N, C-alpha and C. Protein backbone atom coordinates (compact mmCIF):
# COMPACT_ATOMS: atom_id res chain seq x y z
N MET A 1 59.78 93.18 97.42
CA MET A 1 59.02 92.72 96.49
C MET A 1 59.71 92.28 94.98
N LYS A 2 60.93 93.57 94.49
CA LYS A 2 61.09 92.96 93.86
C LYS A 2 62.30 91.69 93.46
N LYS A 3 62.77 91.59 94.83
CA LYS A 3 63.45 90.15 94.50
C LYS A 3 62.68 89.50 94.46
N VAL A 4 61.27 89.09 95.09
CA VAL A 4 60.32 88.41 95.01
C VAL A 4 60.08 87.93 93.56
N LEU A 5 59.67 88.66 92.86
CA LEU A 5 58.91 88.97 91.84
C LEU A 5 60.42 87.91 91.17
N LEU A 6 61.66 88.71 91.19
CA LEU A 6 62.40 87.97 90.12
C LEU A 6 62.95 86.43 90.43
N LEU A 7 62.98 85.96 91.62
CA LEU A 7 62.57 84.59 92.14
C LEU A 7 61.42 83.57 91.58
N LEU A 8 60.80 84.25 91.47
CA LEU A 8 59.50 83.40 91.10
C LEU A 8 59.73 83.58 89.43
N PHE A 9 60.08 84.58 88.89
CA PHE A 9 60.32 84.34 87.39
C PHE A 9 61.75 82.98 86.73
N CYS A 10 62.70 83.35 87.72
CA CYS A 10 63.80 82.41 87.77
C CYS A 10 63.45 81.00 87.91
N PHE A 11 62.65 81.05 89.03
CA PHE A 11 62.31 79.63 89.20
C PHE A 11 61.79 79.16 88.07
N ALA A 12 60.36 79.81 87.33
CA ALA A 12 59.15 79.15 86.61
C ALA A 12 60.11 78.64 85.30
N ILE A 13 61.46 79.68 84.80
CA ILE A 13 62.06 79.27 83.63
C ILE A 13 63.00 78.46 84.09
N ASN A 14 63.32 78.35 84.78
CA ASN A 14 64.27 76.79 85.50
C ASN A 14 63.51 75.61 85.85
N VAL A 15 62.27 76.01 85.68
CA VAL A 15 61.28 74.54 86.00
C VAL A 15 61.46 73.98 84.64
N TYR A 16 61.07 74.99 83.82
CA TYR A 16 60.60 74.59 82.16
C TYR A 16 61.56 74.06 81.60
N ALA A 17 63.05 74.89 82.13
CA ALA A 17 64.14 74.72 80.86
C ALA A 17 65.02 73.83 81.11
N THR A 18 64.59 72.97 82.37
CA THR A 18 66.04 71.97 83.07
C THR A 18 65.90 70.73 82.55
N PRO A 19 66.47 70.41 81.49
CA PRO A 19 66.21 68.76 81.19
C PRO A 19 66.20 67.06 82.28
N LYS A 20 66.01 66.56 82.03
CA LYS A 20 65.86 65.40 83.14
C LYS A 20 67.13 64.41 82.37
N THR A 21 67.50 64.19 81.04
CA THR A 21 68.47 63.70 80.38
C THR A 21 69.70 65.17 79.88
N GLU A 22 70.43 64.33 79.98
CA GLU A 22 71.63 65.37 78.75
C GLU A 22 72.65 64.28 78.22
N GLU A 23 72.79 64.71 76.53
CA GLU A 23 74.26 64.01 76.15
C GLU A 23 75.13 64.38 76.53
N ALA A 24 76.13 63.70 76.98
CA ALA A 24 77.60 63.89 77.37
C ALA A 24 78.78 63.17 76.66
N THR A 25 80.06 63.92 77.30
CA THR A 25 81.04 63.20 76.28
C THR A 25 82.23 62.66 77.95
N PHE A 26 82.77 61.19 77.78
CA PHE A 26 83.50 61.35 78.61
C PHE A 26 84.41 61.60 78.47
N GLU A 27 85.23 62.30 79.92
CA GLU A 27 86.48 63.00 79.49
C GLU A 27 87.49 62.21 80.65
N ALA A 28 87.18 61.59 81.33
CA ALA A 28 88.37 60.84 82.33
C ALA A 28 87.26 60.02 83.54
N CYS A 29 88.18 58.76 83.95
CA CYS A 29 88.14 57.89 85.08
C CYS A 29 88.11 58.61 86.56
N VAL A 30 88.05 58.32 87.59
CA VAL A 30 88.49 58.20 88.76
C VAL A 30 88.73 56.89 89.56
N ASP A 31 87.48 56.32 89.41
CA ASP A 31 87.12 54.57 89.98
C ASP A 31 86.30 54.18 89.41
N GLY A 32 85.70 52.92 90.31
CA GLY A 32 84.12 52.17 89.31
C GLY A 32 82.93 52.91 89.49
N ASP A 33 83.00 53.59 90.18
CA ASP A 33 81.81 54.41 90.47
C ASP A 33 81.57 56.30 90.22
N THR A 34 82.60 56.72 89.88
CA THR A 34 83.03 57.89 89.25
C THR A 34 83.75 58.67 88.49
N ALA A 35 83.45 59.15 87.39
CA ALA A 35 83.82 59.65 86.22
C ALA A 35 83.87 61.19 85.73
N TYR A 36 84.55 61.63 84.95
CA TYR A 36 84.21 63.38 84.69
C TYR A 36 83.45 63.04 83.25
N PHE A 37 82.44 63.97 82.83
CA PHE A 37 82.10 64.51 81.54
C PHE A 37 81.80 65.26 81.18
N LYS A 38 81.90 65.81 80.06
CA LYS A 38 81.76 67.23 79.25
C LYS A 38 80.26 67.28 78.92
N VAL A 39 79.65 68.22 79.47
CA VAL A 39 77.91 68.45 79.13
C VAL A 39 78.03 69.89 78.69
N ALA A 40 77.76 70.20 77.21
CA ALA A 40 77.30 71.29 76.95
C ALA A 40 78.99 72.25 76.94
N GLU A 41 79.43 72.84 77.74
CA GLU A 41 80.15 73.56 78.18
C GLU A 41 81.35 73.18 79.44
N ASP A 42 80.64 72.34 80.23
CA ASP A 42 80.84 72.27 81.37
C ASP A 42 81.37 71.03 81.56
N THR A 43 83.04 70.55 82.46
CA THR A 43 82.91 69.30 83.39
C THR A 43 82.53 69.23 84.14
N LEU A 44 81.50 67.87 84.47
CA LEU A 44 81.09 67.73 85.49
C LEU A 44 82.09 65.95 86.17
N LYS A 45 82.27 66.17 87.35
CA LYS A 45 82.34 65.18 88.56
C LYS A 45 81.29 64.43 88.58
N VAL A 46 80.50 63.41 88.18
CA VAL A 46 79.75 62.70 87.89
C VAL A 46 79.96 61.19 89.22
N ARG A 47 78.82 61.34 90.12
CA ARG A 47 79.46 60.19 91.33
C ARG A 47 77.75 59.01 90.58
N PHE A 48 77.76 57.89 90.46
CA PHE A 48 77.01 56.98 89.64
C PHE A 48 76.27 56.41 90.98
N ILE A 49 75.05 57.38 90.46
CA ILE A 49 73.84 57.08 91.24
C ILE A 49 73.23 55.65 91.92
N ALA A 50 72.89 55.64 93.06
CA ALA A 50 72.90 54.36 93.75
C ALA A 50 73.33 53.26 94.14
N ILE A 51 75.20 53.06 93.46
CA ILE A 51 75.40 52.44 94.12
C ILE A 51 76.85 52.32 94.44
N ASP A 52 77.30 51.19 94.74
CA ASP A 52 78.92 51.72 95.71
C ASP A 52 79.64 50.57 95.04
N ALA A 53 81.18 50.85 94.07
CA ALA A 53 81.78 50.27 93.77
C ALA A 53 82.77 50.11 94.80
N PRO A 54 83.86 49.09 94.99
CA PRO A 54 84.93 49.04 95.41
C PRO A 54 86.16 50.07 95.55
N GLU A 55 86.79 50.66 96.42
CA GLU A 55 87.98 51.38 96.42
C GLU A 55 89.08 50.72 95.36
N LEU A 56 89.94 50.96 95.00
CA LEU A 56 90.99 50.52 94.31
C LEU A 56 92.14 49.86 94.72
N LYS A 57 91.85 49.95 96.31
CA LYS A 57 93.05 49.02 97.14
C LYS A 57 92.17 47.87 97.68
N ASP A 58 90.58 47.94 97.44
CA ASP A 58 89.79 46.68 97.74
C ASP A 58 89.65 45.95 96.97
N ASP A 59 89.36 44.52 96.86
CA ASP A 59 89.00 43.46 96.30
C ASP A 59 87.71 43.99 95.05
N TYR A 60 88.38 43.60 93.86
CA TYR A 60 87.55 44.03 92.76
C TYR A 60 87.66 45.29 92.32
N GLY A 61 88.36 46.07 93.41
CA GLY A 61 88.23 47.97 93.18
C GLY A 61 88.92 48.10 91.48
N LYS A 62 89.88 47.44 91.84
CA LYS A 62 91.06 47.59 90.44
C LYS A 62 90.21 47.32 88.99
N GLU A 63 89.51 46.35 88.78
CA GLU A 63 88.84 45.76 87.78
C GLU A 63 87.50 46.30 87.15
N ALA A 64 86.88 46.76 88.70
CA ALA A 64 85.61 47.89 88.42
C ALA A 64 86.01 49.19 87.35
N SER A 65 87.43 49.23 88.43
CA SER A 65 87.62 50.80 87.84
C SER A 65 88.21 50.43 85.88
N GLU A 66 88.82 49.86 85.93
CA GLU A 66 88.95 49.16 84.69
C GLU A 66 88.28 49.09 83.72
N PHE A 67 86.98 48.33 84.17
CA PHE A 67 85.73 47.89 83.33
C PHE A 67 85.23 49.39 83.18
N THR A 68 84.75 49.96 84.24
CA THR A 68 84.16 51.65 84.06
C THR A 68 84.72 52.25 82.69
N CYS A 69 86.35 52.52 83.50
CA CYS A 69 87.04 53.25 82.38
C CYS A 69 87.08 52.44 80.65
N ASP A 70 86.71 51.09 80.52
CA ASP A 70 86.89 50.93 79.34
C ASP A 70 85.92 51.06 78.28
N THR A 71 84.48 51.05 79.26
CA THR A 71 83.35 51.22 78.60
C THR A 71 83.13 52.22 78.25
N LEU A 72 83.06 53.21 79.16
CA LEU A 72 83.12 54.70 78.89
C LEU A 72 84.12 54.90 77.71
N LEU A 73 84.92 55.07 77.72
CA LEU A 73 85.89 55.34 76.46
C LEU A 73 85.39 54.79 75.07
N ASN A 74 85.19 53.63 75.24
CA ASN A 74 84.78 53.27 73.85
C ASN A 74 83.14 53.65 73.45
N ALA A 75 82.58 53.74 74.85
CA ALA A 75 80.97 54.03 73.90
C ALA A 75 80.70 55.49 73.10
N LYS A 76 79.75 54.86 72.28
CA LYS A 76 79.48 55.78 71.33
C LYS A 76 78.49 56.81 71.29
N GLU A 77 77.77 56.69 72.36
CA GLU A 77 76.73 57.69 73.00
C GLU A 77 76.32 57.48 74.31
N ILE A 78 76.41 58.20 75.36
CA ILE A 78 76.40 58.66 76.68
C ILE A 78 75.14 59.57 77.04
N LEU A 79 74.41 59.12 77.69
CA LEU A 79 73.65 60.06 78.45
C LEU A 79 73.73 60.15 79.78
N LEU A 80 73.21 61.07 80.40
CA LEU A 80 73.40 61.36 82.02
C LEU A 80 71.77 61.49 82.37
N GLU A 81 71.24 60.74 83.00
CA GLU A 81 69.87 61.35 83.48
C GLU A 81 69.89 61.60 85.03
N TYR A 82 68.95 62.60 85.09
CA TYR A 82 68.95 62.98 86.61
C TYR A 82 67.68 62.32 87.41
N ASP A 83 68.15 61.98 88.80
CA ASP A 83 66.79 61.23 89.44
C ASP A 83 66.32 62.97 90.90
N ALA A 84 65.86 61.84 91.66
CA ALA A 84 65.60 62.97 93.25
C ALA A 84 66.68 64.23 93.22
N ASP A 85 67.78 63.53 93.91
CA ASP A 85 69.27 64.39 94.08
C ASP A 85 69.41 64.35 92.75
N LYS A 86 69.95 65.45 92.95
CA LYS A 86 71.56 66.20 91.23
C LYS A 86 72.87 65.96 91.95
N ALA A 87 72.80 65.84 93.08
CA ALA A 87 74.40 66.54 93.96
C ALA A 87 74.50 65.96 95.26
N ASP A 88 75.65 64.92 95.84
CA ASP A 88 76.01 65.04 96.26
C ASP A 88 76.34 65.70 97.75
N LYS A 89 76.57 65.48 98.97
CA LYS A 89 77.28 66.31 99.95
C LYS A 89 78.53 66.84 99.51
N TYR A 90 79.26 65.88 98.34
CA TYR A 90 80.42 66.65 98.40
C TYR A 90 80.37 67.52 96.95
N GLY A 91 79.49 67.70 96.62
CA GLY A 91 79.06 68.74 95.21
C GLY A 91 78.76 67.55 93.70
N ARG A 92 79.05 66.36 94.26
CA ARG A 92 79.31 65.86 92.89
C ARG A 92 77.81 65.49 92.09
N VAL A 93 77.73 65.72 90.60
CA VAL A 93 76.67 65.19 89.95
C VAL A 93 76.28 64.08 90.64
N LEU A 94 74.90 63.30 90.97
CA LEU A 94 74.49 62.34 90.94
C LEU A 94 73.55 62.30 89.50
N ALA A 95 73.88 60.86 88.95
CA ALA A 95 73.40 60.86 87.68
C ALA A 95 73.18 59.37 87.49
N TRP A 96 71.92 58.45 86.89
CA TRP A 96 72.31 57.65 86.39
C TRP A 96 73.12 57.55 85.01
N VAL A 97 73.76 56.53 84.70
CA VAL A 97 74.94 56.95 83.37
C VAL A 97 74.60 55.61 82.39
N TRP A 98 74.09 56.22 81.21
CA TRP A 98 73.77 55.47 80.04
C TRP A 98 74.84 55.36 79.01
N TYR A 99 74.65 54.22 78.68
CA TYR A 99 76.11 53.96 77.62
C TYR A 99 75.34 53.28 76.36
N ASP A 100 75.67 53.52 75.27
CA ASP A 100 75.04 52.83 73.89
C ASP A 100 73.86 51.85 74.72
N LYS A 101 72.70 52.82 74.98
CA LYS A 101 71.55 52.26 75.53
C LYS A 101 71.55 51.40 76.27
N LYS A 102 72.54 51.35 77.23
CA LYS A 102 72.49 50.32 78.51
C LYS A 102 72.94 51.18 79.69
N LEU A 103 72.15 50.57 80.90
CA LEU A 103 72.49 51.34 82.03
C LEU A 103 74.08 50.72 82.68
N LEU A 104 74.76 51.95 82.92
CA LEU A 104 76.10 51.01 83.60
C LEU A 104 75.92 50.82 85.08
N GLN A 105 75.15 51.52 85.51
CA GLN A 105 74.88 51.12 86.91
C GLN A 105 73.95 49.14 86.92
N LYS A 106 73.40 49.07 86.24
CA LYS A 106 73.29 48.14 85.92
C LYS A 106 74.20 47.07 85.37
N THR A 107 75.00 47.07 84.48
CA THR A 107 76.20 46.17 83.75
C THR A 107 77.26 46.25 85.51
N LEU A 108 76.94 46.85 86.40
CA LEU A 108 77.87 46.94 87.44
C LEU A 108 77.87 45.93 88.12
N ILE A 109 76.09 46.33 88.23
CA ILE A 109 75.67 45.11 89.09
C ILE A 109 75.88 43.88 88.95
N GLU A 110 75.67 43.83 87.63
CA GLU A 110 75.19 42.36 86.93
C GLU A 110 76.49 41.56 87.33
N LYS A 111 78.03 42.57 86.82
CA LYS A 111 79.38 41.24 87.27
C LYS A 111 79.89 41.57 88.56
N GLY A 112 78.97 42.16 89.53
CA GLY A 112 79.73 41.85 90.32
C GLY A 112 80.43 43.18 90.93
N PHE A 113 80.55 44.33 90.18
CA PHE A 113 81.86 45.31 90.37
C PHE A 113 81.23 46.35 91.34
N ALA A 114 79.99 46.29 91.25
CA ALA A 114 79.24 47.02 92.65
C ALA A 114 78.15 46.40 93.22
N GLN A 115 77.76 47.50 94.17
CA GLN A 115 76.08 46.89 94.80
C GLN A 115 75.51 48.12 94.84
N THR A 116 74.39 48.04 95.68
CA THR A 116 72.87 48.81 95.50
C THR A 116 73.57 49.45 96.69
N ALA A 117 73.60 50.95 96.85
CA ALA A 117 74.11 51.34 98.13
C ALA A 117 73.75 53.12 98.07
N TYR A 118 73.63 53.73 99.40
CA TYR A 118 73.40 55.33 99.47
C TYR A 118 71.80 55.32 98.65
N ILE A 119 70.76 55.05 99.18
CA ILE A 119 69.67 55.05 99.07
C ILE A 119 68.94 55.92 100.05
N TYR A 120 68.93 57.08 99.43
CA TYR A 120 68.07 58.26 100.29
C TYR A 120 66.86 58.91 99.99
N LYS A 121 66.77 57.96 98.58
CA LYS A 121 65.11 59.11 98.28
C LYS A 121 65.00 57.32 96.93
N ASP A 122 63.48 57.75 96.62
CA ASP A 122 62.63 56.83 95.72
C ASP A 122 63.47 57.09 94.62
N TYR A 123 64.74 56.16 94.26
CA TYR A 123 65.32 56.47 93.13
C TYR A 123 64.83 55.58 92.21
N ARG A 124 64.77 56.12 90.74
CA ARG A 124 63.75 55.36 90.03
C ARG A 124 63.98 54.02 89.32
N TYR A 125 65.16 53.32 89.62
CA TYR A 125 65.61 52.03 89.30
C TYR A 125 66.13 51.03 90.20
N VAL A 126 66.29 51.23 91.31
CA VAL A 126 66.91 50.56 92.42
C VAL A 126 66.23 49.76 92.84
N ASN A 127 64.86 48.86 92.75
CA ASN A 127 64.81 47.74 92.52
C ASN A 127 65.22 46.95 91.69
N SER A 128 65.04 47.58 90.44
CA SER A 128 65.39 46.33 89.41
C SER A 128 67.44 46.46 89.29
N LEU A 129 67.64 47.47 90.37
CA LEU A 129 69.56 46.76 90.33
C LEU A 129 69.49 45.98 91.56
N CYS A 130 68.38 45.73 92.74
CA CYS A 130 68.13 44.64 93.36
C CYS A 130 67.55 43.23 93.24
N PHE A 131 66.98 43.52 92.07
CA PHE A 131 66.75 42.39 91.33
C PHE A 131 68.43 41.76 90.58
N ASP A 132 68.79 42.33 90.09
CA ASP A 132 70.18 42.20 89.40
C ASP A 132 71.05 41.75 90.29
N GLU A 133 71.30 42.28 91.68
CA GLU A 133 72.07 42.44 92.44
C GLU A 133 71.79 41.04 93.56
N LYS A 134 70.90 40.55 93.43
CA LYS A 134 70.09 39.17 94.13
C LYS A 134 70.70 38.08 93.61
N LYS A 135 70.31 38.03 91.91
CA LYS A 135 71.41 36.93 90.96
C LYS A 135 72.63 37.29 91.04
N ALA A 136 73.58 37.84 91.17
CA ALA A 136 74.71 37.98 91.40
C ALA A 136 75.47 37.29 92.38
N LYS A 137 74.48 37.72 93.83
CA LYS A 137 75.24 37.27 94.71
C LYS A 137 74.80 35.58 94.87
N GLU A 138 73.63 35.40 93.84
CA GLU A 138 73.51 33.69 94.20
C GLU A 138 74.86 32.98 93.43
N ASN A 139 75.00 33.80 92.34
CA ASN A 139 76.24 33.01 91.26
C ASN A 139 77.43 33.53 91.86
N LYS A 140 77.82 34.36 92.93
CA LYS A 140 78.84 33.96 93.26
C LYS A 140 79.62 35.42 92.81
N VAL A 141 79.66 36.07 91.72
CA VAL A 141 80.11 36.93 90.70
C VAL A 141 80.72 37.98 91.67
N GLY A 142 81.86 38.27 91.12
CA GLY A 142 82.74 39.25 91.37
C GLY A 142 82.69 39.38 93.09
N VAL A 143 82.53 41.04 93.71
CA VAL A 143 82.46 40.89 94.85
C VAL A 143 81.80 39.88 95.92
N TRP A 144 80.98 39.31 95.47
CA TRP A 144 80.10 38.33 95.56
C TRP A 144 80.82 36.80 95.89
N SER A 145 81.72 36.50 95.63
CA SER A 145 82.80 35.56 95.35
C SER A 145 83.91 35.67 96.91
N LYS A 146 83.78 36.63 97.35
CA LYS A 146 84.59 36.87 98.72
C LYS A 146 83.22 36.67 99.84
N GLU A 147 83.28 36.07 100.98
CA GLU A 147 82.64 36.25 102.20
C GLU A 147 82.44 36.74 102.79
N SER A 148 83.60 37.96 102.69
CA SER A 148 83.90 38.58 103.50
C SER A 148 82.47 39.74 102.87
N THR A 149 82.01 40.07 101.73
CA THR A 149 81.33 41.17 101.43
C THR A 149 79.81 41.24 101.94
N LYS A 150 79.95 42.23 102.61
CA LYS A 150 78.56 42.47 103.52
C LYS A 150 77.32 43.44 102.78
N TYR A 151 76.06 42.20 102.88
CA TYR A 151 75.23 42.93 101.99
C TYR A 151 74.24 44.15 102.41
N LYS A 152 74.35 44.42 101.86
CA LYS A 152 73.44 46.15 101.95
C LYS A 152 72.39 46.72 101.90
N TYR A 153 71.30 47.19 101.06
CA TYR A 153 70.48 47.63 101.01
C TYR A 153 69.44 46.72 100.26
N CYS A 154 69.72 46.10 99.71
CA CYS A 154 68.72 44.73 98.81
C CYS A 154 68.51 43.89 99.79
N ASP A 155 69.42 43.89 100.97
CA ASP A 155 69.20 42.25 101.81
C ASP A 155 67.63 41.46 102.28
N GLU A 156 66.65 42.40 102.54
CA GLU A 156 65.32 42.43 103.17
C GLU A 156 64.82 41.95 101.78
N LYS A 157 64.79 42.49 100.73
CA LYS A 157 63.76 42.87 99.42
C LYS A 157 64.16 40.96 98.81
N SER A 158 62.56 40.45 98.90
CA SER A 158 62.50 39.51 97.58
C SER A 158 62.35 40.20 96.12
N ILE A 159 62.56 38.69 95.66
CA ILE A 159 63.41 39.00 94.07
C ILE A 159 61.72 38.93 93.63
N SER A 160 60.88 38.12 94.06
CA SER A 160 59.04 38.15 93.51
C SER A 160 58.47 39.44 93.60
N ASP A 161 58.94 40.16 94.45
CA ASP A 161 58.02 41.95 95.10
C ASP A 161 58.99 43.07 94.07
N LEU A 162 59.98 42.77 93.08
CA LEU A 162 60.64 43.95 93.02
C LEU A 162 59.74 43.80 91.19
N ASP A 163 59.81 45.47 90.75
CA ASP A 163 59.41 45.48 89.51
C ASP A 163 60.71 45.78 88.79
N TYR A 164 60.82 45.29 87.60
CA TYR A 164 61.75 46.10 86.89
C TYR A 164 61.06 46.93 85.68
N ASN A 165 62.32 47.85 85.80
CA ASN A 165 61.97 49.12 85.02
C ASN A 165 62.75 49.23 84.45
N ILE A 166 64.14 48.99 83.95
CA ILE A 166 64.81 49.87 83.21
C ILE A 166 64.54 49.24 81.87
N ASN A 167 63.92 50.27 81.13
CA ASN A 167 64.16 50.39 79.97
C ASN A 167 64.67 51.67 78.92
N TYR A 168 65.67 51.64 78.09
CA TYR A 168 65.73 53.02 77.29
C TYR A 168 65.35 53.54 76.30
N ASP A 169 63.92 53.17 75.84
CA ASP A 169 62.73 53.36 74.87
C ASP A 169 62.21 54.17 75.80
N ASP A 170 62.15 54.14 77.43
CA ASP A 170 61.63 55.36 77.72
C ASP A 170 62.54 56.65 78.14
N ILE A 171 63.65 56.04 78.03
CA ILE A 171 64.73 57.73 77.93
C ILE A 171 64.62 58.07 76.90
N LEU A 172 64.05 57.24 75.62
CA LEU A 172 64.50 58.21 74.68
C LEU A 172 62.56 59.02 74.42
N GLU A 173 62.22 58.68 74.65
CA GLU A 173 60.98 59.13 74.92
C GLU A 173 61.11 60.47 75.77
N GLU A 174 61.96 60.61 76.58
CA GLU A 174 62.10 61.72 78.05
C GLU A 174 62.76 62.94 77.37
N LYS A 175 63.80 62.05 76.71
CA LYS A 175 64.78 62.85 76.01
C LYS A 175 64.29 63.87 74.94
N LYS A 176 63.19 62.92 73.97
CA LYS A 176 62.52 63.86 73.45
C LYS A 176 61.78 64.99 73.96
N ASP A 177 61.43 65.15 74.86
CA ASP A 177 60.58 65.84 76.12
C ASP A 177 61.42 67.00 76.11
N ASN A 178 62.47 66.55 76.18
CA ASN A 178 63.43 67.80 76.77
C ASN A 178 63.58 68.68 76.42
N LYS A 179 62.97 68.92 74.25
CA LYS A 179 63.61 69.93 73.94
C LYS A 179 62.26 70.47 73.82
N LEU A 180 62.44 71.77 73.24
CA LEU A 180 61.56 72.72 73.19
C LEU A 180 61.09 72.89 71.75
N SER A 181 59.98 72.73 71.57
CA SER A 181 58.92 73.03 70.19
C SER A 181 59.39 74.38 69.55
N LYS A 182 59.34 74.70 68.40
CA LYS A 182 59.41 76.44 67.88
C LYS A 182 58.71 77.26 68.54
N THR A 183 57.45 76.77 69.09
CA THR A 183 56.18 77.23 69.53
C THR A 183 56.66 77.86 70.83
N ASP A 184 57.14 76.74 71.82
CA ASP A 184 57.18 77.29 73.24
C ASP A 184 58.85 78.30 73.46
N GLU A 185 59.61 77.86 72.09
CA GLU A 185 60.50 78.32 72.45
C GLU A 185 60.76 79.89 72.35
N LYS A 186 59.44 80.13 71.24
CA LYS A 186 58.85 81.85 71.41
C LYS A 186 58.08 82.17 72.57
N ARG A 187 57.67 80.98 73.09
CA ARG A 187 56.46 82.11 74.57
C ARG A 187 57.75 81.81 75.38
N LEU A 188 58.74 81.01 75.70
CA LEU A 188 59.80 81.52 76.50
C LEU A 188 60.82 82.50 76.67
N LYS A 189 60.87 82.94 75.11
CA LYS A 189 61.24 84.23 74.82
C LYS A 189 60.62 85.61 75.33
N LYS A 190 59.19 85.05 75.32
CA LYS A 190 58.23 86.40 75.66
C LYS A 190 58.25 86.34 77.21
N ILE A 191 58.72 85.34 77.52
CA ILE A 191 58.40 85.44 79.30
C ILE A 191 59.37 86.15 79.60
N ILE A 192 60.88 85.96 79.06
CA ILE A 192 61.83 86.84 79.51
C ILE A 192 62.09 87.92 79.42
N ASP A 193 61.28 88.32 78.02
CA ASP A 193 61.02 89.73 77.60
C ASP A 193 60.15 90.28 78.35
N THR A 194 59.31 89.58 78.82
CA THR A 194 58.20 90.49 80.23
C THR A 194 58.65 90.47 81.56
N SER A 195 59.55 89.93 81.67
CA SER A 195 60.54 89.46 82.95
C SER A 195 61.34 90.62 83.00
N GLN A 196 62.07 91.24 81.81
CA GLN A 196 63.16 92.42 81.88
C GLN A 196 62.35 93.53 81.43
N LYS A 197 61.30 93.70 81.44
CA LYS A 197 60.31 94.52 80.95
C LYS A 197 59.76 95.01 82.45
N ALA A 198 58.98 93.64 83.20
CA ALA A 198 58.68 94.03 84.57
C ALA A 198 59.79 94.26 85.58
N SER A 199 60.91 93.83 85.14
CA SER A 199 62.30 94.54 85.97
C SER A 199 62.48 95.83 85.66
N GLU A 200 62.13 96.50 84.59
CA GLU A 200 62.27 98.31 84.61
C GLU A 200 61.44 98.78 85.02
N PHE A 201 59.80 98.03 84.98
CA PHE A 201 59.42 98.67 85.45
C PHE A 201 58.88 98.91 87.32
N LEU A 202 59.96 97.78 87.77
CA LEU A 202 59.81 97.86 88.90
C LEU A 202 60.69 99.02 89.37
N GLN A 203 62.02 98.99 88.85
CA GLN A 203 62.91 100.04 89.18
C GLN A 203 62.68 101.68 88.86
N LYS A 204 61.57 101.44 87.59
CA LYS A 204 60.73 102.97 87.99
C LYS A 204 59.96 103.63 88.76
N ASN A 205 59.45 102.75 89.15
CA ASN A 205 57.86 102.25 90.12
C ASN A 205 58.11 101.97 91.20
N ASP A 206 59.22 102.21 91.73
CA ASP A 206 59.41 101.14 93.29
C ASP A 206 58.23 101.67 94.40
N LYS A 207 57.89 102.80 94.54
CA LYS A 207 57.03 103.02 95.36
C LYS A 207 55.71 103.02 95.14
N LYS A 208 55.44 102.38 94.22
CA LYS A 208 53.74 101.78 93.34
C LYS A 208 54.18 100.87 93.56
N ILE A 209 54.81 99.61 93.37
CA ILE A 209 54.87 98.24 93.25
C ILE A 209 53.80 97.88 94.02
N SER A 210 53.48 98.53 95.33
CA SER A 210 52.17 97.27 96.23
C SER A 210 51.15 97.87 95.62
N GLU A 211 50.94 98.56 94.63
CA GLU A 211 49.29 98.96 93.80
C GLU A 211 49.39 97.71 92.86
N TYR A 212 50.64 97.41 92.47
CA TYR A 212 50.83 96.14 91.31
C TYR A 212 51.07 95.24 91.61
N GLY A 213 51.88 94.57 92.75
CA GLY A 213 51.97 93.49 92.85
C GLY A 213 51.70 92.21 93.07
N THR A 214 49.77 92.80 93.80
CA THR A 214 49.16 91.33 93.60
C THR A 214 49.24 90.93 92.07
N TYR A 215 48.89 91.93 90.97
CA TYR A 215 48.57 91.61 89.70
C TYR A 215 49.70 90.78 88.99
N ILE A 216 50.85 91.39 89.34
CA ILE A 216 52.18 90.68 88.54
C ILE A 216 52.49 89.27 89.08
N ILE A 217 52.26 89.42 90.53
CA ILE A 217 52.02 87.68 90.80
C ILE A 217 51.05 86.88 90.24
N LEU A 218 50.06 87.43 90.10
CA LEU A 218 48.90 86.35 89.62
C LEU A 218 49.35 86.38 88.46
N LEU A 219 49.96 86.63 87.11
CA LEU A 219 50.36 86.25 86.32
C LEU A 219 51.53 85.73 86.21
N ILE A 220 52.45 85.48 87.23
CA ILE A 220 54.15 84.78 87.31
C ILE A 220 52.91 83.52 87.30
N ALA A 221 51.92 83.38 88.65
CA ALA A 221 51.03 81.91 88.62
C ALA A 221 50.49 81.32 87.74
N SER A 222 50.01 82.23 86.97
CA SER A 222 49.54 81.59 85.67
C SER A 222 50.57 80.79 84.82
N ILE A 223 51.83 81.53 84.63
CA ILE A 223 53.23 81.18 84.26
C ILE A 223 53.30 79.56 84.32
N PHE A 224 53.17 79.36 86.05
CA PHE A 224 53.41 78.42 86.70
C PHE A 224 52.55 77.15 86.39
N VAL A 225 51.32 77.05 85.90
CA VAL A 225 50.50 76.58 85.72
C VAL A 225 50.76 75.85 84.56
N PHE A 226 50.93 76.63 83.75
CA PHE A 226 51.50 76.57 81.96
C PHE A 226 52.35 75.59 82.16
N PHE A 227 54.07 75.94 82.87
CA PHE A 227 54.81 75.17 83.27
C PHE A 227 54.28 73.84 83.79
N GLY A 228 53.80 73.78 84.39
CA GLY A 228 53.74 72.75 85.60
C GLY A 228 52.44 71.36 84.28
N LYS A 229 51.88 72.16 83.37
CA LYS A 229 51.49 71.06 82.53
C LYS A 229 52.48 70.87 81.40
N LYS A 230 53.16 71.62 80.88
CA LYS A 230 54.42 71.18 80.02
C LYS A 230 55.34 70.20 80.73
N LYS A 231 55.34 69.73 81.91
CA LYS A 231 56.97 69.08 82.70
C LYS A 231 55.98 67.77 82.81
N GLN A 232 54.92 67.58 82.77
CA GLN A 232 54.12 66.60 83.09
C GLN A 232 54.11 65.37 82.17
């Protein structure tokens, strides 16, 4: 029972406190679709979600890598936006990369340095990327200047059916929502203090927990409701 309650408290706090966007500092480039960023005190290896750039040995691989490196190195502001999947099977962080109010994935697609790929869930800007990709293909830009380039995810999508939703202003609003007000900070502190007291109570009254467990779980459930409203 103690483990269950602890997990519930941890889950509640995590749901409330984990942001959807984070400010980042560029550290190093791997290739056209992967780079290292500093976020808070952590260094993250980030794979740009929903796109695939050519390997360095392939056509336009070097150009894609140089463009990504130069763009991020000279960017004044970088934001990482997370989607349905926050990491891939290799442990790399998956994120939309915003630089100076522009979406890097979009820029790479427009220049023909990448194409839409690895779509495992309903990622936020995929339809918009397909719109830009079809334009790049029509204009034979970058990888699309090569007849050998195979069309992937966007092949059967019609441009007229695609909703274009890349808007930096939306990110700004969501970024503001990531910040806790002073009132919410106090509430979160009270919740943490309560969880600590509950832990002490459980340690001292392990045999009696069955009498109080239901009431404590109901209390935590009410916290979940509060968190859910704040996240919407």
